[in-house]
Protein backbone atom coordinates (compact mmCIF):
# COMPACT_ATOMS: atom_id res chain seq x y z
CA UNK A 1 75.18 49.49 65.19
CA UNK A 2 73.30 46.29 64.60
CA UNK A 3 70.47 47.53 66.70
CA UNK A 4 70.18 50.69 64.62
CA UNK A 5 70.27 48.63 61.38
CA UNK A 6 67.51 46.36 62.65
CA UNK A 7 65.35 49.31 63.52
CA UNK A 8 65.94 50.77 60.05
CA UNK A 9 64.86 47.60 58.32
CA UNK A 10 61.76 47.43 60.48
CA UNK A 11 60.82 51.00 59.61
CA UNK A 12 61.36 50.23 55.91
CA UNK A 13 59.17 47.13 56.11
CA UNK A 14 56.42 49.01 57.92
CA UNK A 15 56.67 51.76 55.36
CA UNK A 16 56.36 49.33 52.46
CA UNK A 17 53.46 47.51 54.07
CA UNK A 18 51.65 50.72 54.63
CA UNK A 19 52.30 52.10 51.14
CA UNK A 20 49.70 50.68 48.63
CA UNK A 21 51.06 52.45 45.61
CA UNK A 22 51.66 50.18 42.46
CA UNK A 23 49.98 47.10 44.02
CA UNK A 24 47.81 46.63 40.90
CA UNK A 25 50.86 46.61 38.70
CA UNK A 26 52.42 43.95 40.85
CA UNK A 27 49.28 41.80 40.80
CA UNK A 28 48.96 42.26 37.06
CA UNK A 29 52.53 41.21 36.56
CA UNK A 30 51.95 38.12 38.65
CA UNK A 31 48.59 37.12 37.02
CA UNK A 32 49.29 38.15 33.44
CA UNK A 33 50.83 34.81 32.38
CA UNK A 34 47.85 32.90 33.76
CA UNK A 35 45.37 35.28 32.11
CA UNK A 36 47.17 35.06 28.79
CA UNK A 37 47.20 31.26 28.99
CA UNK A 38 43.48 31.16 29.76
CA UNK A 39 42.75 33.58 26.93
CA UNK A 40 44.78 31.44 24.55
CA UNK A 41 42.88 28.32 25.59
CA UNK A 42 39.51 30.11 25.32
CA UNK A 43 40.29 31.45 21.86
CA UNK A 44 41.43 28.06 20.62
CA UNK A 45 38.47 26.27 22.21
CA UNK A 46 36.07 28.71 20.55
CA UNK A 47 37.88 28.18 17.27
CA UNK A 48 37.69 24.39 17.67
CA UNK A 49 33.97 24.59 18.50
CA UNK A 50 33.32 26.71 15.41
CA UNK A 51 35.41 24.35 13.28
CA UNK A 52 33.49 21.37 14.65
CA UNK A 53 30.17 22.97 13.70
CA UNK A 54 31.47 23.71 10.22
CA UNK A 55 32.72 20.13 9.90
CA UNK A 56 29.31 18.76 10.96
CA UNK A 57 27.55 20.94 8.40
CA UNK A 58 29.91 19.73 5.67
CA UNK A 59 29.52 16.07 6.71
CA UNK A 60 25.72 16.48 6.61
CA UNK A 61 25.96 17.88 3.09
CA UNK A 62 28.39 15.15 2.03
CA UNK A 63 26.07 12.41 3.33
CA UNK A 64 23.08 13.89 1.47
CA UNK A 65 25.12 14.18 -1.73
CA UNK A 66 26.40 10.62 -1.39
CA UNK A 67 22.90 9.22 -0.79
CA UNK A 68 21.79 10.97 -3.97
CA UNK A 69 24.68 9.28 -5.82
CA UNK A 70 24.46 5.88 -4.19
CA UNK A 71 26.72 4.15 -6.73
CA UNK A 72 29.52 6.74 -6.59
CA UNK A 73 29.60 7.65 -2.92
CA UNK A 74 33.35 8.14 -2.40
CA UNK A 75 33.67 10.64 -5.23
CA UNK A 76 30.53 12.44 -4.06
CA UNK A 77 31.88 12.80 -0.51
CA UNK A 78 35.40 13.91 -1.51
CA UNK A 79 34.10 16.41 -4.06
CA UNK A 80 31.57 17.90 -1.63
CA UNK A 81 34.09 18.30 1.20
CA UNK A 82 36.86 19.65 -1.04
CA UNK A 83 34.57 22.15 -2.75
CA UNK A 84 33.57 23.45 0.68
CA UNK A 85 37.15 24.07 1.81
CA UNK A 86 37.91 20.90 3.75
CA UNK A 87 41.69 20.32 3.41
CA UNK A 88 43.40 17.10 2.30
CA UNK A 89 40.41 14.75 2.24
CA UNK A 90 41.42 11.07 2.36
CA UNK A 91 38.90 8.20 2.23
CA UNK A 92 39.67 5.44 4.71
CA UNK A 93 38.74 2.09 3.19
CA UNK A 94 37.43 -0.86 5.16
CA UNK A 95 40.23 -2.44 7.19
CA UNK A 96 42.46 0.65 6.99
CA UNK A 97 43.49 2.89 9.87
CA UNK A 98 44.60 6.37 8.84
CA UNK A 99 45.40 8.93 11.50
CA UNK A 100 44.22 12.47 10.84
CA UNK A 101 46.76 15.27 10.94
CA UNK A 102 46.82 18.99 10.48
CA UNK A 103 45.88 19.55 6.85
CA UNK A 104 44.73 15.91 6.38
CA UNK A 105 41.05 15.03 6.86
CA UNK A 106 40.11 11.34 7.09
CA UNK A 107 36.61 10.22 6.12
CA UNK A 108 34.92 6.82 6.22
CA UNK A 109 32.04 6.26 3.79
CA UNK A 110 29.68 3.34 4.48
CA UNK A 111 26.84 2.27 2.22
CA UNK A 112 23.91 0.40 3.70
CA UNK A 113 20.18 0.16 4.09
CA UNK A 114 18.05 2.36 6.30
CA UNK A 115 14.79 0.97 7.68
CA UNK A 116 12.70 3.71 9.26
CA UNK A 117 10.20 1.17 10.62
CA UNK A 118 12.74 -0.40 13.00
CA UNK A 119 11.88 0.55 16.58
CA UNK A 120 15.47 0.67 17.84
CA UNK A 121 16.97 3.85 16.38
CA UNK A 122 20.53 2.52 16.61
CA UNK A 123 19.62 -0.44 14.40
CA UNK A 124 17.89 1.45 11.62
CA UNK A 125 21.05 1.85 9.56
CA UNK A 126 22.37 -1.55 8.50
CA UNK A 127 25.86 -1.26 7.03
CA UNK A 128 26.52 -3.28 3.90
CA UNK A 129 22.93 -4.48 3.48
CA UNK A 130 21.73 -4.30 -0.11
CA UNK A 131 20.04 -2.83 -2.01
CA UNK A 132 21.60 0.36 -0.71
CA UNK A 133 19.39 3.33 0.08
CA UNK A 134 21.53 5.15 2.67
CA UNK A 135 25.07 6.35 3.35
CA UNK A 136 26.87 7.04 6.63
CA UNK A 137 29.83 9.45 6.52
CA UNK A 138 32.27 9.70 9.43
CA UNK A 139 34.94 12.46 9.51
CA UNK A 140 38.03 12.94 11.65
CA UNK A 141 40.36 15.96 11.48
CA UNK A 142 42.84 17.88 13.59
CA UNK A 143 41.65 21.46 14.09
CA UNK A 144 43.78 24.55 13.71
CA UNK A 145 45.12 25.94 17.01
CA UNK A 146 46.47 29.47 17.25
CA UNK A 147 47.83 30.06 20.77
CA UNK A 148 47.36 27.06 23.06
CA UNK A 149 49.10 24.25 21.19
CA UNK A 150 51.65 23.86 23.98
CA UNK A 151 49.06 24.06 26.74
CA UNK A 152 46.44 21.45 25.73
CA UNK A 153 46.69 18.02 24.08
CA UNK A 154 46.18 17.78 20.33
CA UNK A 155 42.39 17.33 19.85
CA UNK A 156 40.64 15.42 17.05
CA UNK A 157 37.28 16.60 15.73
CA UNK A 158 34.95 13.68 15.00
CA UNK A 159 31.58 14.08 13.27
CA UNK A 160 29.11 11.70 11.64
CA UNK A 161 25.98 11.93 9.49
CA UNK A 162 23.61 9.42 7.90
CA UNK A 163 21.41 10.26 4.93
CA UNK A 164 18.77 8.13 3.26
CA UNK A 165 16.58 8.38 0.21
CA UNK A 166 12.82 8.50 0.85
CA UNK A 167 11.30 6.46 -2.00
CA UNK A 168 7.56 6.41 -2.66
CA UNK A 169 5.22 4.59 -5.01
CA UNK A 170 1.56 4.86 -5.99
CA UNK A 171 -0.03 1.42 -6.30
CA UNK A 172 -3.35 -0.38 -6.04
CA UNK A 173 -4.73 -3.91 -5.81
CA UNK A 174 -7.91 -5.36 -7.27
CA UNK A 175 -9.17 -7.45 -10.15
CA UNK A 176 -9.63 -6.02 -13.63
CA UNK A 177 -12.49 -6.65 -16.01
CA UNK A 178 -11.21 -8.13 -19.27
CA UNK A 179 -14.66 -8.77 -20.73
CA UNK A 180 -17.86 -6.91 -20.02
CA UNK A 181 -21.44 -7.99 -19.50
CA UNK A 182 -23.35 -4.73 -19.38
CA UNK A 183 -26.54 -6.24 -17.99
CA UNK A 184 -24.77 -7.81 -15.03
CA UNK A 185 -22.80 -4.64 -14.25
CA UNK A 186 -25.91 -2.47 -14.49
CA UNK A 187 -27.74 -4.76 -12.08
CA UNK A 188 -24.76 -4.80 -9.71
CA UNK A 189 -24.28 -1.03 -9.60
CA UNK A 190 -28.02 -0.49 -9.28
CA UNK A 191 -28.06 -2.87 -6.32
CA UNK A 192 -25.09 -1.18 -4.65
CA UNK A 193 -26.02 2.44 -5.34
CA UNK A 194 -29.78 2.37 -5.64
CA UNK A 195 -31.52 3.88 -8.63
CA UNK A 196 -31.59 2.40 -12.11
CA UNK A 197 -28.11 2.35 -13.65
CA UNK A 198 -28.30 1.61 -17.37
CA UNK A 199 -24.99 1.89 -19.22
CA UNK A 200 -23.94 0.25 -22.46
CA UNK A 201 -20.99 -2.08 -22.97
CA UNK A 202 -19.26 0.84 -24.73
CA UNK A 203 -19.77 2.99 -21.63
CA UNK A 204 -18.21 0.35 -19.38
CA UNK A 205 -15.31 -0.18 -21.76
CA UNK A 206 -14.73 3.57 -21.67
CA UNK A 207 -14.60 3.51 -17.87
CA UNK A 208 -12.33 0.46 -17.81
CA UNK A 209 -9.82 1.98 -20.22
CA UNK A 210 -9.81 5.43 -18.58
CA UNK A 211 -7.35 6.60 -15.95
CA UNK A 212 -7.88 9.66 -13.78
CA UNK A 213 -5.31 11.79 -12.03
CA UNK A 214 -6.00 11.17 -8.35
CA UNK A 215 -4.74 14.60 -7.30
CA UNK A 216 -6.88 16.35 -9.92
CA UNK A 217 -9.82 14.23 -8.77
CA UNK A 218 -9.31 15.31 -5.14
CA UNK A 219 -9.08 18.96 -6.22
CA UNK A 220 -12.34 18.58 -8.16
CA UNK A 221 -13.93 16.85 -5.17
CA UNK A 222 -12.85 19.75 -2.95
CA UNK A 223 -15.03 21.97 -5.13
CA UNK A 224 -17.94 19.54 -4.70
CA UNK A 225 -17.48 19.66 -0.93
CA UNK A 226 -17.01 23.47 -0.83
CA UNK A 227 -13.44 23.15 0.44
CA UNK A 228 -11.77 26.22 -1.06
CA UNK A 229 -8.28 25.94 0.44
CA UNK A 230 -6.08 23.49 2.26
CA UNK A 231 -4.22 20.29 1.47
CA UNK A 232 -5.14 17.02 -0.18
CA UNK A 233 -5.22 15.43 3.27
CA UNK A 234 -7.81 18.01 4.37
CA UNK A 235 -10.11 16.79 1.60
CA UNK A 236 -9.42 13.11 2.34
CA UNK A 237 -10.38 13.73 5.97
CA UNK A 238 -13.91 14.50 4.72
CA UNK A 239 -16.74 12.26 3.53
CA UNK A 240 -18.59 12.19 0.21
CA UNK A 241 -21.37 10.28 -1.53
CA UNK A 242 -20.69 8.13 -4.57
CA UNK A 243 -22.63 10.69 -6.63
CA UNK A 244 -20.22 13.43 -5.55
CA UNK A 245 -17.25 11.15 -6.24
CA UNK A 246 -18.53 10.29 -9.73
CA UNK A 247 -19.15 13.97 -10.51
CA UNK A 248 -15.64 14.93 -9.38
CA UNK A 249 -14.13 12.15 -11.52
CA UNK A 250 -16.12 13.38 -14.53
CA UNK A 251 -14.64 16.86 -14.01
CA UNK A 252 -11.02 15.69 -14.12
CA UNK A 253 -9.26 17.31 -17.11
CA UNK A 254 -8.28 14.99 -19.95
CA UNK A 255 -10.90 12.31 -19.29
CA UNK A 256 -12.38 10.78 -22.46
CA UNK A 257 -15.90 11.82 -23.40
CA UNK A 258 -17.37 8.29 -23.13
CA UNK A 259 -16.09 7.84 -19.58
CA UNK A 260 -17.10 11.40 -18.68
CA UNK A 261 -20.72 10.90 -19.80
CA UNK A 262 -20.89 7.48 -18.10
CA UNK A 263 -19.75 8.99 -14.78
CA UNK A 264 -22.22 11.85 -15.10
CA UNK A 265 -25.00 9.31 -15.74
CA UNK A 266 -24.05 7.28 -12.66
CA UNK A 267 -23.90 10.45 -10.55
CA UNK A 268 -27.40 11.48 -11.66
CA UNK A 269 -28.93 8.02 -11.22
CA UNK A 270 -27.37 7.06 -7.88
CA UNK A 271 -29.80 7.46 -4.99
CA UNK A 272 -27.41 6.35 -2.23
CA UNK A 273 -26.98 9.09 0.37
CA UNK A 274 -24.29 7.17 2.28
CA UNK A 275 -21.17 9.28 2.77
CA UNK A 276 -17.95 7.31 2.75
CA UNK A 277 -14.71 8.36 4.49
CA UNK A 278 -12.42 9.31 1.63
CA UNK A 279 -9.35 8.17 3.57
CA UNK A 280 -10.68 4.60 3.20
CA UNK A 281 -10.54 5.02 -0.56
CA UNK A 282 -7.15 6.72 -1.02
CA UNK A 283 -4.10 7.19 1.21
CA UNK A 284 -1.65 9.78 -0.15
CA UNK A 285 0.94 9.50 2.61
CA UNK A 286 3.28 12.50 2.70
CA UNK A 287 1.94 13.70 -0.66
CA UNK A 288 -1.26 14.60 1.18
CA UNK A 289 0.51 17.53 2.86
CA UNK A 290 0.78 19.34 -0.49
CA UNK A 291 -1.63 22.17 -1.14
CA UNK A 292 -4.54 21.59 -3.51
CA UNK A 293 -3.34 21.93 -7.08
CA UNK A 294 0.30 21.15 -6.27
CA UNK A 295 2.02 18.14 -7.84
CA UNK A 296 4.78 15.99 -6.28
CA UNK A 297 8.04 16.09 -8.19
CA UNK A 298 8.59 12.97 -10.30
CA UNK A 299 5.62 11.03 -8.93
CA UNK A 300 2.46 10.39 -10.94
CA UNK A 301 -0.65 9.27 -9.08
CA UNK A 302 -3.28 7.78 -11.40
CA UNK A 303 -6.14 5.35 -10.89
CA UNK A 304 -8.55 3.35 -13.01
CA UNK A 305 -11.86 5.19 -13.35
CA UNK A 306 -13.81 1.94 -13.14
CA UNK A 307 -11.72 0.71 -10.23
CA UNK A 308 -12.20 3.88 -8.21
CA UNK A 309 -15.92 3.97 -8.95
CA UNK A 310 -16.57 0.38 -7.86
CA UNK A 311 -14.28 0.74 -4.83
CA UNK A 312 -16.36 3.75 -3.76
CA UNK A 313 -19.59 1.80 -4.40
CA UNK A 314 -18.32 -1.07 -2.24
CA UNK A 315 -17.42 1.32 0.59
CA UNK A 316 -20.82 3.00 0.31
CA UNK A 317 -22.50 -0.39 0.63
CA UNK A 318 -20.44 -1.23 3.72
CA UNK A 319 -21.47 -4.48 5.39
CA UNK A 320 -25.00 -4.32 3.99
CA UNK A 321 -26.34 -6.82 1.51
CA UNK A 322 -27.23 -6.11 -2.07
CA UNK A 323 -29.96 -8.26 -3.64
CA UNK A 324 -30.02 -8.52 -7.43
CA UNK A 325 -32.70 -10.30 -9.44
CA UNK A 326 -31.38 -11.07 -12.92
CA UNK A 327 -34.50 -12.99 -13.93
CA UNK A 328 -33.98 -15.12 -17.04
CA UNK A 329 -31.17 -12.97 -18.50
CA UNK A 330 -28.48 -15.62 -17.97
CA UNK A 331 -28.38 -18.21 -20.80
CA UNK A 332 -29.71 -21.61 -19.70
CA UNK A 333 -31.17 -20.29 -16.43
CA UNK A 334 -34.88 -19.75 -15.88
CA UNK A 335 -34.27 -17.46 -12.92
CA UNK A 336 -31.20 -16.06 -11.19
CA UNK A 337 -30.96 -14.23 -7.90
CA UNK A 338 -27.81 -12.86 -6.32
CA UNK A 339 -27.17 -11.80 -2.76
CA UNK A 340 -23.91 -9.95 -2.17
CA UNK A 341 -22.35 -9.07 1.17
CA UNK A 342 -19.24 -6.92 1.37
CA UNK A 343 -17.08 -6.58 4.45
CA UNK A 344 -14.64 -3.84 5.35
CA UNK A 345 -11.05 -4.28 4.10
CA UNK A 346 -8.79 -5.60 6.86
CA UNK A 347 -7.49 -2.85 9.16
CA UNK A 348 -9.41 -0.28 7.09
CA UNK A 349 -6.76 -0.50 4.40
CA UNK A 350 -7.29 1.82 1.41
CA UNK A 351 -7.75 0.64 -2.14
CA UNK A 352 -4.96 2.89 -3.47
CA UNK A 353 -1.97 4.25 -1.56
CA UNK A 354 0.97 6.57 -2.13
CA UNK A 355 3.69 5.96 0.42
CA UNK A 356 6.96 4.26 1.24
CA UNK A 357 8.16 0.74 1.90
CA UNK A 358 5.86 -1.26 4.17
CA UNK A 359 2.61 0.30 2.91
CA UNK A 360 -0.25 -2.17 2.41
CA UNK A 361 -3.44 -2.01 0.33
CA UNK A 362 -6.24 -4.58 0.46
CA UNK A 363 -9.53 -5.46 -1.17
CA UNK A 364 -12.72 -6.16 0.76
CA UNK A 365 -13.90 -9.58 1.88
CA UNK A 366 -16.86 -10.64 -0.27
CA UNK A 367 -19.65 -13.21 -0.13
CA UNK A 368 -21.97 -14.11 -2.99
CA UNK A 369 -25.01 -16.37 -2.82
CA UNK A 370 -26.41 -17.37 -6.20
CA UNK A 371 -29.75 -19.14 -6.43
CA UNK A 372 -30.62 -20.27 -9.93
CA UNK A 373 -33.22 -22.47 -11.59
CA UNK A 374 -31.91 -24.37 -14.61
CA UNK A 375 -33.92 -24.80 -17.78
CA UNK A 376 -34.61 -28.52 -18.28
CA UNK A 377 -35.44 -28.84 -21.94
CA UNK A 378 -36.48 -32.49 -22.41
CA UNK A 379 -37.70 -33.72 -19.00
CA UNK A 380 -37.60 -37.46 -19.71
CA UNK A 381 -34.27 -39.09 -18.86
CA UNK A 382 -35.32 -42.75 -19.31
CA UNK A 383 -36.68 -45.50 -17.10
CA UNK A 384 -39.87 -43.58 -16.43
CA UNK A 385 -37.91 -40.79 -14.70
CA UNK A 386 -38.72 -37.15 -15.49
CA UNK A 387 -36.86 -34.08 -14.28
CA UNK A 388 -39.23 -31.56 -12.75
CA UNK A 389 -36.71 -28.95 -11.55
CA UNK A 390 -32.93 -28.54 -11.34
CA UNK A 391 -31.41 -25.94 -9.02
CA UNK A 392 -27.97 -24.40 -8.66
CA UNK A 393 -27.45 -23.04 -5.10
CA UNK A 394 -23.91 -21.63 -5.30
CA UNK A 395 -22.07 -19.88 -2.46
CA UNK A 396 -18.77 -18.07 -3.00
CA UNK A 397 -16.61 -16.41 -0.36
CA UNK A 398 -13.39 -14.57 -1.20
CA UNK A 399 -11.16 -13.19 1.54
CA UNK A 400 -9.28 -9.94 1.02
CA UNK A 401 -6.37 -9.78 -1.41
CA UNK A 402 -3.30 -7.88 -0.25
CA UNK A 403 -0.39 -6.03 -1.83
CA UNK A 404 2.56 -4.77 0.22
CA UNK A 405 5.26 -2.41 -1.03
CA UNK A 406 8.52 -4.16 -0.12
CA UNK A 407 11.24 -2.27 -2.00
CA UNK A 408 12.06 0.68 -4.26
CA UNK A 409 15.53 1.02 -5.73
CA UNK A 410 17.25 3.27 -8.28
CA UNK A 411 20.63 1.56 -8.84
CA UNK A 412 21.85 4.00 -11.51
CA UNK A 413 19.31 6.80 -11.31
CA UNK A 414 15.59 7.38 -11.97
CA UNK A 415 15.58 5.46 -15.27
CA UNK A 416 16.64 2.30 -13.44
CA UNK A 417 13.88 2.45 -10.82
CA UNK A 418 12.50 -0.89 -9.67
CA UNK A 419 9.46 -1.39 -7.42
CA UNK A 420 8.79 -4.69 -5.65
CA UNK A 421 5.31 -5.64 -4.43
CA UNK A 422 4.58 -8.76 -2.36
CA UNK A 423 1.00 -9.73 -3.21
CA UNK A 424 -1.36 -12.59 -2.62
CA UNK A 425 -4.97 -13.18 -3.65
CA UNK A 426 -7.63 -13.90 -1.10
CA UNK A 427 -8.47 -17.39 0.06
CA UNK A 428 -11.56 -18.55 -1.83
CA UNK A 429 -14.19 -21.10 -0.86
CA UNK A 430 -17.00 -22.31 -3.13
CA UNK A 431 -19.93 -24.44 -1.97
CA UNK A 432 -22.74 -25.95 -3.98
CA UNK A 433 -25.06 -26.28 -0.98
CA UNK A 434 -27.44 -24.47 1.36
CA UNK A 435 -26.27 -22.30 4.24
CA UNK A 436 -27.03 -23.49 7.75
CA UNK A 437 -27.44 -19.88 8.87
CA UNK A 438 -28.91 -17.70 6.09
CA UNK A 439 -29.49 -14.79 8.49
CA UNK A 440 -25.74 -14.61 9.20
CA UNK A 441 -24.81 -14.18 5.55
CA UNK A 442 -23.42 -10.65 6.07
CA UNK A 443 -21.78 -11.40 9.43
CA UNK A 444 -18.12 -11.78 8.50
CA UNK A 445 -17.13 -12.45 12.09
CA UNK A 446 -18.77 -15.88 11.80
CA UNK A 447 -17.73 -18.59 9.32
CA UNK A 448 -20.40 -20.05 7.08
CA UNK A 449 -21.41 -23.70 7.36
CA UNK A 450 -23.39 -25.64 4.78
CA UNK A 451 -25.74 -28.57 4.36
CA UNK A 452 -27.13 -30.57 1.44
CA UNK A 453 -29.40 -28.63 -0.90
CA UNK A 454 -32.29 -29.61 -3.14
CA UNK A 455 -30.42 -30.06 -6.42
CA UNK A 456 -33.18 -31.72 -8.45
CA UNK A 457 -36.82 -32.75 -8.22
CA UNK A 458 -37.91 -35.76 -10.25
CA UNK A 459 -41.03 -37.85 -10.89
CA UNK A 460 -40.84 -41.61 -11.09
CA UNK A 461 -43.91 -43.36 -12.47
CA UNK A 462 -46.59 -42.98 -9.79
CA UNK A 463 -44.32 -41.32 -7.24
CA UNK A 464 -45.08 -37.61 -7.75
CA UNK A 465 -42.04 -35.92 -6.22
CA UNK A 466 -38.61 -37.16 -5.31
CA UNK A 467 -35.94 -34.77 -4.02
CA UNK A 468 -32.35 -35.36 -5.07
CA UNK A 469 -30.23 -33.74 -2.37
CA UNK A 470 -26.55 -32.98 -2.70
CA UNK A 471 -23.57 -30.76 -2.04
CA UNK A 472 -20.03 -30.11 -3.20
CA UNK A 473 -17.19 -27.90 -2.03
CA UNK A 474 -13.84 -26.67 -3.24
CA UNK A 475 -11.35 -24.20 -1.83
CA UNK A 476 -8.29 -22.27 -2.91
CA UNK A 477 -6.06 -21.93 0.13
CA UNK A 478 -2.48 -21.69 -1.12
CA UNK A 479 -1.98 -17.94 -0.89
CA UNK A 480 1.68 -17.41 -0.05
CA UNK A 481 2.86 -13.94 -1.12
CA UNK A 482 4.43 -13.66 -4.55
CA UNK A 483 6.79 -10.83 -5.47
CA UNK A 484 5.97 -8.70 -8.49
CA UNK A 485 8.64 -6.38 -9.89
CA UNK A 486 7.81 -3.23 -11.85
CA UNK A 487 10.53 -1.43 -13.83
CA UNK A 488 10.42 2.08 -15.27
CA UNK A 489 8.70 0.89 -18.45
CA UNK A 490 6.04 -1.03 -16.50
CA UNK A 491 5.33 2.04 -14.40
CA UNK A 492 5.17 4.40 -17.38
CA UNK A 493 2.80 2.02 -19.20
CA UNK A 494 0.78 1.39 -16.01
CA UNK A 495 1.17 -2.33 -16.58
CA UNK A 496 -1.11 -4.63 -14.59
CA UNK A 497 0.55 -7.74 -13.15
CA UNK A 498 -1.29 -10.70 -11.66
CA UNK A 499 -0.58 -13.14 -8.86
CA UNK A 500 -2.43 -16.45 -8.81
CA UNK A 501 -2.66 -19.18 -6.23
CA UNK A 502 -2.54 -21.81 -8.93
CA UNK A 503 -3.19 -22.35 -12.62
CA UNK A 504 -6.96 -22.64 -12.74
CA UNK A 505 -7.31 -24.66 -15.93
CA UNK A 506 -10.84 -25.87 -15.22
CA UNK A 507 -14.00 -23.96 -14.45
CA UNK A 508 -14.50 -23.92 -10.69
CA UNK A 509 -18.24 -24.31 -11.19
CA UNK A 510 -17.59 -27.35 -13.40
CA UNK A 511 -15.32 -28.78 -10.71
CA UNK A 512 -18.09 -28.38 -8.15
CA UNK A 513 -20.70 -29.98 -10.38
CA UNK A 514 -18.52 -32.96 -11.26
CA UNK A 515 -17.79 -33.57 -7.57
CA UNK A 516 -21.45 -33.35 -6.58
CA UNK A 517 -22.51 -35.89 -3.96
CA UNK A 518 -26.21 -36.78 -4.26
CA UNK A 519 -28.79 -38.65 -2.21
CA UNK A 520 -32.49 -39.39 -2.75
CA UNK A 521 -35.25 -38.19 -0.46
CA UNK A 522 -38.75 -39.49 -1.18
CA UNK A 523 -41.03 -37.05 0.57
CA UNK A 524 -43.22 -38.78 3.13
CA UNK A 525 -42.41 -42.27 1.88
CA UNK A 526 -40.02 -44.75 3.42
CA UNK A 527 -38.82 -46.11 0.10
CA UNK A 528 -35.15 -46.71 -0.70
CA UNK A 529 -34.53 -45.40 -4.19
CA UNK A 530 -30.75 -45.11 -3.98
CA UNK A 531 -30.47 -47.06 -7.23
CA UNK A 532 -32.28 -44.18 -8.90
CA UNK A 533 -29.12 -42.09 -8.61
CA UNK A 534 -27.51 -44.13 -11.38
CA UNK A 535 -30.05 -42.62 -13.76
CA UNK A 536 -30.53 -39.19 -12.21
CA UNK A 537 -26.96 -38.10 -11.42
CA UNK A 538 -25.53 -38.29 -14.98
CA UNK A 539 -28.52 -36.37 -16.32
CA UNK A 540 -28.32 -33.70 -13.59
CA UNK A 541 -24.55 -33.29 -13.94
CA UNK A 542 -24.82 -33.04 -17.72
CA UNK A 543 -27.56 -30.44 -17.44
CA UNK A 544 -25.67 -28.39 -14.87
CA UNK A 545 -22.51 -28.49 -16.99
CA UNK A 546 -24.40 -26.74 -19.79
CA UNK A 547 -24.76 -23.65 -17.60
CA UNK A 548 -21.35 -23.57 -15.91
CA UNK A 549 -19.89 -21.24 -18.56
CA UNK A 550 -22.54 -18.49 -18.18
CA UNK A 551 -22.44 -18.92 -14.39
CA UNK A 552 -18.66 -18.52 -14.42
CA UNK A 553 -19.08 -15.40 -16.56
CA UNK A 554 -21.63 -14.04 -14.10
CA UNK A 555 -19.36 -14.64 -11.10
CA UNK A 556 -16.36 -13.22 -12.94
CA UNK A 557 -18.16 -9.99 -13.84
CA UNK A 558 -19.61 -9.51 -10.37
CA UNK A 559 -16.40 -10.26 -8.48
CA UNK A 560 -14.16 -8.30 -10.86
CA UNK A 561 -16.48 -5.30 -10.67
CA UNK A 562 -16.16 -5.50 -6.89
CA UNK A 563 -12.37 -5.55 -7.23
CA UNK A 564 -11.83 -9.15 -6.11
CA UNK A 565 -11.04 -12.36 -7.94
CA UNK A 566 -11.15 -16.08 -7.24
CA UNK A 567 -7.57 -17.23 -6.82
CA UNK A 568 -5.94 -14.16 -8.32
CA UNK A 569 -5.25 -10.48 -7.72
CA UNK A 570 -4.12 -7.68 -10.02
CA UNK A 571 -1.55 -5.10 -8.94
CA UNK A 572 -0.61 -1.89 -10.72
CA UNK A 573 2.06 0.72 -9.97
CA UNK A 574 1.19 4.05 -11.61
CA UNK A 575 4.02 6.17 -10.25
CA UNK A 576 7.23 5.84 -8.25
CA UNK A 577 10.25 7.87 -7.25
CA UNK A 578 13.37 7.22 -5.24
CA UNK A 579 12.77 10.66 -3.78
CA UNK A 580 15.38 13.00 -2.37
CA UNK A 581 18.05 12.31 0.19
CA UNK A 582 17.42 13.52 3.74
CA UNK A 583 19.32 13.25 7.01
CA UNK A 584 18.10 10.49 9.30
CA UNK A 585 18.91 9.23 12.76
């Protein structure tokens, strides 16, 4: 019996093993729970991934909105997230710890300062540093799960975004002309540009008071250069002569008729064929990427017509010398000759720039050598001493002035904009003496050295010619940066602000003359006439002091026309904007 039963079971087993019917159903039944679990996890993971992407997009938008409302960031973030369907938004304050839950989104909003110039990306955003220009928003939320809540741990979606404003300002550095000597300016421009420039004081005043739209000027210059399409940067990558620059400025809409005619006259009279790189004159920064004719939103870019003209003339002259013979046109002087050498601005810095924090503009380094013969009047000065000639060999060197954009803030919106510029004038050195190396006058890589000059020639009784030698020096070296602040009114009015190394209450030429150290040289004779100085020096100093005022006026006009000043620098902001908020790293 048992044997038969065993055989029956064996046959049944062999029959089942050999019969493959319904195997798929069995396998499906066995694997279905696993497949369903995997499907549930996949669906929920895809949902979480999609929700994370949506959360990141909303955090990006919230950060941009908050950066645009820097003084009301919490409200901006909550409103933005709520309006875009983010549930139960709660702001976690500093020191708090709030756990996110289903239906409750926790955000942290941090104000700070973003410095794009910092090399280390992780250190660019500085939390809590004022003035604020950036916001970092961090979000944490529990995503919705549909099928796999019992299979996987509860996840938390975490996203973060940082947005910063991109402020810009248009600013320039130089030295303005407050009074005009037309003869000196005509001689200077003629020397720099060639030709015979002959403008009236009214013409120069028209140029000084006129502003030109820099973008309109570049568009007009594009026509001069046959550039029919492209961007402002495309034009600035080109070169142009001062004549072309003056013509383009004259064609800017809205320019006064006096300034327009003066620029046309300069363009027609200039014989200089030197083409200057326009990027050395103006740097538009990101504004340069705009197409010709387009205007940046909320940012005006204007420049002084006289300032731009003389800056272009200086660049056209380069490191060459300009020699100007003013003859007897300066009161009290029988003859006056000027030699001017102009170096390149440090690091090829432009004269005017439109860009963000950290941008620098500079003037050019300048040397002036003035050789003048002073009218004597009554030659007899007592004791049988007669003045034959009195000379004024004056050397002036002014290093570049610099202005650096250090901050732009809009605490409560565009009307509260504030622009900070750290500026310092160039170091100045004045010598009443002769150069030891006249041939190196235009070599700015070498410092100048000086020796005693022939200040006066006198006759004493039977001694026909006695040279009175002498020299004096003074320097202005205290040039620590000073911060100038421009508010919305200053910018709208294009206010010029000045930094000075000190309060120059006395004429620098007078200071040199009064500190003059003299000695007597009797040509060919070994006679000690040192005692003669007691008679000669007071007379020479008195005579020289009668011409210090016109000499100061001459130096002032020449240096100011070149955009530099002794011991001072002028800065002007003609446009500024806190820009628009953008995402940053």
